[in-house]
N, C-alpha and C. Protein backbone atom coordinates (compact mmCIF):
# COMPACT_ATOMS: atom_id res chain seq x y z
N MET A 1 19.04 7.17 11.77
CA MET A 1 18.67 8.29 12.59
C MET A 1 17.15 8.46 12.54
N LYS A 2 16.52 8.62 13.69
CA LYS A 2 15.07 8.77 13.77
C LYS A 2 14.67 10.18 13.37
N PRO A 3 13.54 10.32 12.61
CA PRO A 3 13.09 11.67 12.29
C PRO A 3 12.63 12.38 13.54
N GLN A 4 12.78 13.67 13.55
CA GLN A 4 12.31 14.46 14.67
C GLN A 4 10.79 14.42 14.73
N THR A 5 10.24 14.55 15.92
CA THR A 5 8.79 14.56 16.08
C THR A 5 8.20 15.68 15.25
N GLY A 6 7.13 15.34 14.51
CA GLY A 6 6.44 16.35 13.71
C GLY A 6 6.99 16.50 12.31
N THR A 7 8.11 15.82 11.99
CA THR A 7 8.67 15.97 10.65
C THR A 7 8.36 14.77 9.76
N ALA A 8 7.89 13.69 10.34
CA ALA A 8 7.57 12.51 9.54
C ALA A 8 6.33 12.78 8.70
N ASP A 9 6.21 12.03 7.62
CA ASP A 9 5.04 12.18 6.76
C ASP A 9 3.80 11.80 7.54
N PRO A 10 2.69 12.57 7.42
CA PRO A 10 1.50 12.30 8.21
C PRO A 10 0.90 10.91 7.98
N GLY A 11 1.04 10.35 6.78
CA GLY A 11 0.48 9.04 6.52
C GLY A 11 1.12 7.96 7.37
N ALA A 12 2.40 8.12 7.66
CA ALA A 12 3.11 7.12 8.44
C ALA A 12 2.59 7.06 9.87
N ARG A 13 2.03 8.14 10.39
CA ARG A 13 1.53 8.14 11.76
C ARG A 13 0.28 7.29 11.91
N HIS A 14 -0.38 6.96 10.83
CA HIS A 14 -1.64 6.21 10.91
C HIS A 14 -1.43 4.75 10.55
N GLY A 15 -0.19 4.29 10.58
CA GLY A 15 0.10 2.89 10.35
C GLY A 15 0.19 2.51 8.88
N GLN A 16 0.10 3.45 7.99
CA GLN A 16 0.18 3.18 6.56
C GLN A 16 1.32 4.02 6.00
N PRO A 17 2.03 3.51 4.99
CA PRO A 17 3.03 4.34 4.35
C PRO A 17 2.35 5.57 3.76
N PRO A 18 3.05 6.67 3.67
CA PRO A 18 2.43 7.91 3.21
C PRO A 18 1.83 7.82 1.82
N GLY A 19 2.31 6.91 0.99
CA GLY A 19 1.84 6.87 -0.38
C GLY A 19 0.62 6.01 -0.65
N ILE A 20 0.11 5.28 0.32
CA ILE A 20 -1.01 4.36 0.06
C ILE A 20 -2.22 5.11 -0.47
N ARG A 21 -2.62 6.17 0.19
CA ARG A 21 -3.80 6.91 -0.24
C ARG A 21 -3.57 7.60 -1.58
N ARG A 22 -2.35 8.09 -1.78
CA ARG A 22 -2.02 8.70 -3.07
C ARG A 22 -2.09 7.64 -4.17
N MET A 23 -1.56 6.44 -3.88
CA MET A 23 -1.63 5.35 -4.86
C MET A 23 -3.07 4.99 -5.17
N ALA A 24 -3.92 4.98 -4.15
CA ALA A 24 -5.33 4.67 -4.37
C ALA A 24 -5.95 5.70 -5.32
N LEU A 25 -5.65 6.96 -5.10
CA LEU A 25 -6.17 8.01 -5.97
C LEU A 25 -5.64 7.83 -7.40
N GLU A 26 -4.37 7.51 -7.54
CA GLU A 26 -3.80 7.31 -8.87
C GLU A 26 -4.47 6.14 -9.59
N VAL A 27 -4.75 5.06 -8.86
CA VAL A 27 -5.43 3.91 -9.46
C VAL A 27 -6.83 4.31 -9.90
N LEU A 28 -7.54 5.05 -9.05
CA LEU A 28 -8.89 5.49 -9.41
C LEU A 28 -8.87 6.38 -10.66
N LEU A 29 -7.90 7.27 -10.73
CA LEU A 29 -7.79 8.15 -11.90
C LEU A 29 -7.43 7.36 -13.15
N ASP A 30 -6.49 6.40 -13.01
CA ASP A 30 -6.13 5.55 -14.16
C ASP A 30 -7.32 4.73 -14.63
N TRP A 31 -8.06 4.19 -13.69
CA TRP A 31 -9.25 3.39 -14.03
C TRP A 31 -10.25 4.24 -14.81
N GLU A 32 -10.49 5.45 -14.32
CA GLU A 32 -11.46 6.33 -14.97
C GLU A 32 -10.98 6.75 -16.36
N LYS A 33 -9.70 6.99 -16.49
CA LYS A 33 -9.15 7.48 -17.75
C LYS A 33 -9.02 6.37 -18.80
N THR A 34 -8.57 5.19 -18.37
CA THR A 34 -8.24 4.13 -19.33
C THR A 34 -9.32 3.06 -19.47
N GLY A 35 -10.14 2.89 -18.43
CA GLY A 35 -11.14 1.83 -18.47
C GLY A 35 -10.57 0.44 -18.21
N ARG A 36 -9.29 0.37 -17.84
CA ARG A 36 -8.68 -0.93 -17.52
C ARG A 36 -9.31 -1.51 -16.26
N PHE A 37 -9.18 -2.81 -16.11
CA PHE A 37 -9.69 -3.47 -14.92
C PHE A 37 -8.95 -2.95 -13.68
N ALA A 38 -9.70 -2.65 -12.64
CA ALA A 38 -9.11 -2.13 -11.41
C ALA A 38 -8.15 -3.15 -10.81
N ALA A 39 -8.47 -4.42 -10.89
CA ALA A 39 -7.60 -5.45 -10.32
C ALA A 39 -6.22 -5.43 -10.97
N GLU A 40 -6.17 -5.23 -12.27
CA GLU A 40 -4.88 -5.15 -12.97
C GLU A 40 -4.09 -3.93 -12.50
N LEU A 41 -4.76 -2.79 -12.43
CA LEU A 41 -4.10 -1.56 -11.99
C LEU A 41 -3.59 -1.70 -10.56
N LEU A 42 -4.39 -2.30 -9.70
CA LEU A 42 -3.99 -2.50 -8.30
C LEU A 42 -2.80 -3.43 -8.19
N ASP A 43 -2.83 -4.53 -8.92
CA ASP A 43 -1.73 -5.48 -8.86
C ASP A 43 -0.42 -4.85 -9.35
N GLU A 44 -0.50 -4.10 -10.44
CA GLU A 44 0.69 -3.42 -10.96
C GLU A 44 1.25 -2.44 -9.93
N ARG A 45 0.37 -1.64 -9.36
CA ARG A 45 0.80 -0.62 -8.40
C ARG A 45 1.41 -1.27 -7.15
N ALA A 46 0.77 -2.29 -6.63
CA ALA A 46 1.26 -2.96 -5.42
C ALA A 46 2.61 -3.64 -5.68
N ARG A 47 2.75 -4.23 -6.86
CA ARG A 47 4.00 -4.90 -7.21
C ARG A 47 5.15 -3.89 -7.36
N ARG A 48 4.88 -2.78 -8.04
CA ARG A 48 5.92 -1.76 -8.23
C ARG A 48 6.34 -1.13 -6.91
N ALA A 49 5.39 -0.96 -6.01
CA ALA A 49 5.69 -0.30 -4.73
C ALA A 49 6.21 -1.30 -3.68
N VAL A 50 6.17 -2.59 -3.98
CA VAL A 50 6.59 -3.63 -3.05
C VAL A 50 5.90 -3.42 -1.70
N LEU A 51 4.58 -3.49 -1.72
CA LEU A 51 3.78 -3.27 -0.51
C LEU A 51 3.69 -4.54 0.33
N SER A 52 3.66 -4.35 1.63
CA SER A 52 3.42 -5.48 2.53
C SER A 52 1.97 -5.92 2.36
N GLY A 53 1.63 -7.07 2.89
CA GLY A 53 0.27 -7.59 2.79
C GLY A 53 -0.79 -6.62 3.33
N PRO A 54 -0.61 -6.11 4.55
CA PRO A 54 -1.61 -5.18 5.09
C PRO A 54 -1.73 -3.89 4.28
N ASN A 55 -0.61 -3.38 3.78
CA ASN A 55 -0.67 -2.15 3.00
C ASN A 55 -1.33 -2.37 1.64
N ALA A 56 -1.03 -3.50 1.02
CA ALA A 56 -1.69 -3.83 -0.24
C ALA A 56 -3.18 -4.02 -0.02
N ALA A 57 -3.55 -4.62 1.11
CA ALA A 57 -4.97 -4.83 1.43
C ALA A 57 -5.67 -3.49 1.63
N PHE A 58 -5.01 -2.54 2.30
CA PHE A 58 -5.61 -1.21 2.51
C PHE A 58 -5.80 -0.50 1.17
N LEU A 59 -4.81 -0.59 0.30
CA LEU A 59 -4.92 -0.02 -1.04
C LEU A 59 -6.11 -0.61 -1.78
N HIS A 60 -6.22 -1.93 -1.76
CA HIS A 60 -7.34 -2.61 -2.41
C HIS A 60 -8.67 -2.18 -1.79
N ASP A 61 -8.73 -2.10 -0.47
CA ASP A 61 -9.98 -1.70 0.20
C ASP A 61 -10.45 -0.34 -0.26
N ILE A 62 -9.54 0.63 -0.28
CA ILE A 62 -9.94 1.98 -0.69
C ILE A 62 -10.47 1.97 -2.12
N VAL A 63 -9.69 1.41 -3.04
CA VAL A 63 -10.06 1.46 -4.46
C VAL A 63 -11.34 0.67 -4.73
N LEU A 64 -11.39 -0.57 -4.26
CA LEU A 64 -12.56 -1.40 -4.59
C LEU A 64 -13.83 -0.92 -3.89
N THR A 65 -13.71 -0.39 -2.68
CA THR A 65 -14.88 0.16 -2.00
C THR A 65 -15.37 1.41 -2.73
N CYS A 66 -14.45 2.23 -3.20
CA CYS A 66 -14.84 3.41 -4.00
C CYS A 66 -15.59 2.97 -5.25
N LEU A 67 -15.04 2.00 -5.96
CA LEU A 67 -15.65 1.59 -7.22
C LEU A 67 -17.01 0.92 -7.01
N ARG A 68 -17.15 0.16 -5.93
CA ARG A 68 -18.44 -0.48 -5.65
C ARG A 68 -19.50 0.54 -5.25
N ASN A 69 -19.07 1.69 -4.78
CA ASN A 69 -20.00 2.69 -4.25
C ASN A 69 -19.91 4.04 -4.97
N LEU A 70 -19.52 4.04 -6.23
CA LEU A 70 -19.34 5.29 -6.96
C LEU A 70 -20.57 6.19 -6.93
N SER A 71 -21.73 5.63 -7.21
CA SER A 71 -22.95 6.44 -7.25
C SER A 71 -23.25 7.06 -5.90
N LEU A 72 -23.08 6.28 -4.86
CA LEU A 72 -23.33 6.78 -3.51
C LEU A 72 -22.33 7.88 -3.14
N LEU A 73 -21.05 7.64 -3.42
CA LEU A 73 -20.03 8.63 -3.12
C LEU A 73 -20.25 9.92 -3.91
N ASP A 74 -20.61 9.78 -5.19
CA ASP A 74 -20.88 10.97 -6.00
C ASP A 74 -22.11 11.72 -5.50
N HIS A 75 -23.11 10.98 -5.03
CA HIS A 75 -24.30 11.62 -4.47
C HIS A 75 -23.94 12.41 -3.21
N TRP A 76 -23.16 11.79 -2.33
CA TRP A 76 -22.74 12.48 -1.11
C TRP A 76 -21.92 13.72 -1.44
N ALA A 77 -20.98 13.58 -2.38
CA ALA A 77 -20.12 14.72 -2.76
C ALA A 77 -20.96 15.84 -3.36
N SER A 78 -21.91 15.49 -4.19
CA SER A 78 -22.79 16.49 -4.80
C SER A 78 -23.61 17.22 -3.73
N HIS A 79 -24.13 16.46 -2.80
CA HIS A 79 -24.93 17.05 -1.72
C HIS A 79 -24.08 17.99 -0.87
N LEU A 80 -22.88 17.55 -0.53
CA LEU A 80 -22.01 18.34 0.35
C LEU A 80 -21.43 19.58 -0.32
N THR A 81 -21.33 19.56 -1.65
CA THR A 81 -20.71 20.68 -2.37
C THR A 81 -21.72 21.51 -3.15
N GLY A 82 -23.00 21.25 -2.94
CA GLY A 82 -24.01 22.02 -3.65
C GLY A 82 -24.08 21.72 -5.13
N GLY A 83 -23.69 20.52 -5.54
CA GLY A 83 -23.80 20.10 -6.93
C GLY A 83 -22.69 20.61 -7.84
N LYS A 84 -21.62 21.13 -7.27
CA LYS A 84 -20.50 21.62 -8.09
C LYS A 84 -19.90 20.49 -8.91
N LYS A 85 -19.41 20.84 -10.09
CA LYS A 85 -18.67 19.89 -10.94
C LYS A 85 -17.18 20.08 -10.67
N PHE A 86 -16.44 18.98 -10.63
CA PHE A 86 -15.02 19.03 -10.32
C PHE A 86 -14.21 18.31 -11.39
N ASP A 87 -12.93 18.68 -11.45
CA ASP A 87 -12.02 17.97 -12.33
C ASP A 87 -11.81 16.56 -11.78
N ALA A 88 -11.22 15.70 -12.59
CA ALA A 88 -11.08 14.29 -12.22
C ALA A 88 -10.29 14.10 -10.93
N HIS A 89 -9.22 14.86 -10.74
CA HIS A 89 -8.39 14.71 -9.54
C HIS A 89 -9.18 15.07 -8.28
N THR A 90 -9.89 16.18 -8.31
CA THR A 90 -10.67 16.60 -7.14
C THR A 90 -11.81 15.62 -6.88
N ARG A 91 -12.48 15.18 -7.93
CA ARG A 91 -13.57 14.21 -7.79
C ARG A 91 -13.04 12.91 -7.18
N GLY A 92 -11.88 12.44 -7.65
CA GLY A 92 -11.28 11.23 -7.10
C GLY A 92 -10.89 11.40 -5.65
N SER A 93 -10.37 12.57 -5.30
CA SER A 93 -10.01 12.84 -3.90
C SER A 93 -11.23 12.84 -3.01
N LEU A 94 -12.30 13.46 -3.48
CA LEU A 94 -13.55 13.47 -2.70
C LEU A 94 -14.08 12.05 -2.51
N ARG A 95 -14.08 11.28 -3.58
CA ARG A 95 -14.55 9.90 -3.49
C ARG A 95 -13.73 9.10 -2.49
N SER A 96 -12.42 9.21 -2.60
CA SER A 96 -11.53 8.46 -1.72
C SER A 96 -11.69 8.89 -0.27
N GLY A 97 -11.73 10.18 -0.02
CA GLY A 97 -11.88 10.68 1.34
C GLY A 97 -13.20 10.29 1.96
N LEU A 98 -14.29 10.46 1.21
CA LEU A 98 -15.61 10.08 1.73
C LEU A 98 -15.68 8.57 1.97
N CYS A 99 -15.09 7.81 1.08
CA CYS A 99 -15.07 6.35 1.22
C CYS A 99 -14.38 5.95 2.52
N GLN A 100 -13.21 6.52 2.76
CA GLN A 100 -12.47 6.19 3.98
C GLN A 100 -13.24 6.60 5.22
N LEU A 101 -13.79 7.79 5.18
CA LEU A 101 -14.47 8.35 6.34
C LEU A 101 -15.79 7.64 6.64
N LEU A 102 -16.61 7.45 5.61
CA LEU A 102 -17.98 6.98 5.83
C LEU A 102 -18.20 5.49 5.59
N LEU A 103 -17.35 4.87 4.81
CA LEU A 103 -17.56 3.45 4.50
C LEU A 103 -16.52 2.52 5.12
N LEU A 104 -15.29 2.99 5.24
CA LEU A 104 -14.22 2.13 5.75
C LEU A 104 -13.93 2.36 7.23
N GLY A 105 -14.52 3.38 7.81
CA GLY A 105 -14.32 3.63 9.23
C GLY A 105 -12.95 4.16 9.61
N VAL A 106 -12.25 4.76 8.65
CA VAL A 106 -10.96 5.39 8.95
C VAL A 106 -11.24 6.60 9.84
N PRO A 107 -10.47 6.80 10.90
CA PRO A 107 -10.70 7.96 11.76
C PRO A 107 -10.72 9.26 10.96
N ALA A 108 -11.60 10.16 11.35
CA ALA A 108 -11.80 11.41 10.60
C ALA A 108 -10.49 12.17 10.41
N HIS A 109 -9.69 12.28 11.47
CA HIS A 109 -8.46 13.06 11.34
C HIS A 109 -7.53 12.47 10.28
N ALA A 110 -7.50 11.17 10.15
CA ALA A 110 -6.64 10.53 9.15
C ALA A 110 -7.22 10.67 7.75
N ALA A 111 -8.50 10.38 7.59
CA ALA A 111 -9.13 10.46 6.28
C ALA A 111 -9.08 11.88 5.72
N VAL A 112 -9.38 12.86 6.55
CA VAL A 112 -9.41 14.24 6.09
C VAL A 112 -8.00 14.76 5.84
N ASN A 113 -7.09 14.52 6.76
CA ASN A 113 -5.72 15.00 6.61
C ASN A 113 -5.07 14.45 5.35
N GLU A 114 -5.27 13.18 5.09
CA GLU A 114 -4.65 12.56 3.93
C GLU A 114 -5.35 12.94 2.63
N THR A 115 -6.63 13.25 2.68
CA THR A 115 -7.36 13.64 1.48
C THR A 115 -7.01 15.05 1.06
N VAL A 116 -6.86 15.93 2.03
CA VAL A 116 -6.55 17.33 1.75
C VAL A 116 -5.08 17.43 1.44
């Protein structure tokens, strides 16, 4: 049975399963907390979730682009929030959302909707 219009998870409307962005945030938080290699965390997460090639690639893109650009993302977040300090979850969400919006070219409505 098809879901009624407007009841499907918003992530699915953008061609990605709803959990991809959440998984990316979880990997970023695990990386920050444990110091494990991001590649190991990504491989574990993709294997457990049984992601298709494109979905695994999107997960990798978000996480690795965030990690390559941490200083830049933190600078942008600091500038946009007036230098406020945030807990790890909020900081990770800001990094991921800004990364998608400004570095990966994800449409604003998708990046913002999924980040919030």
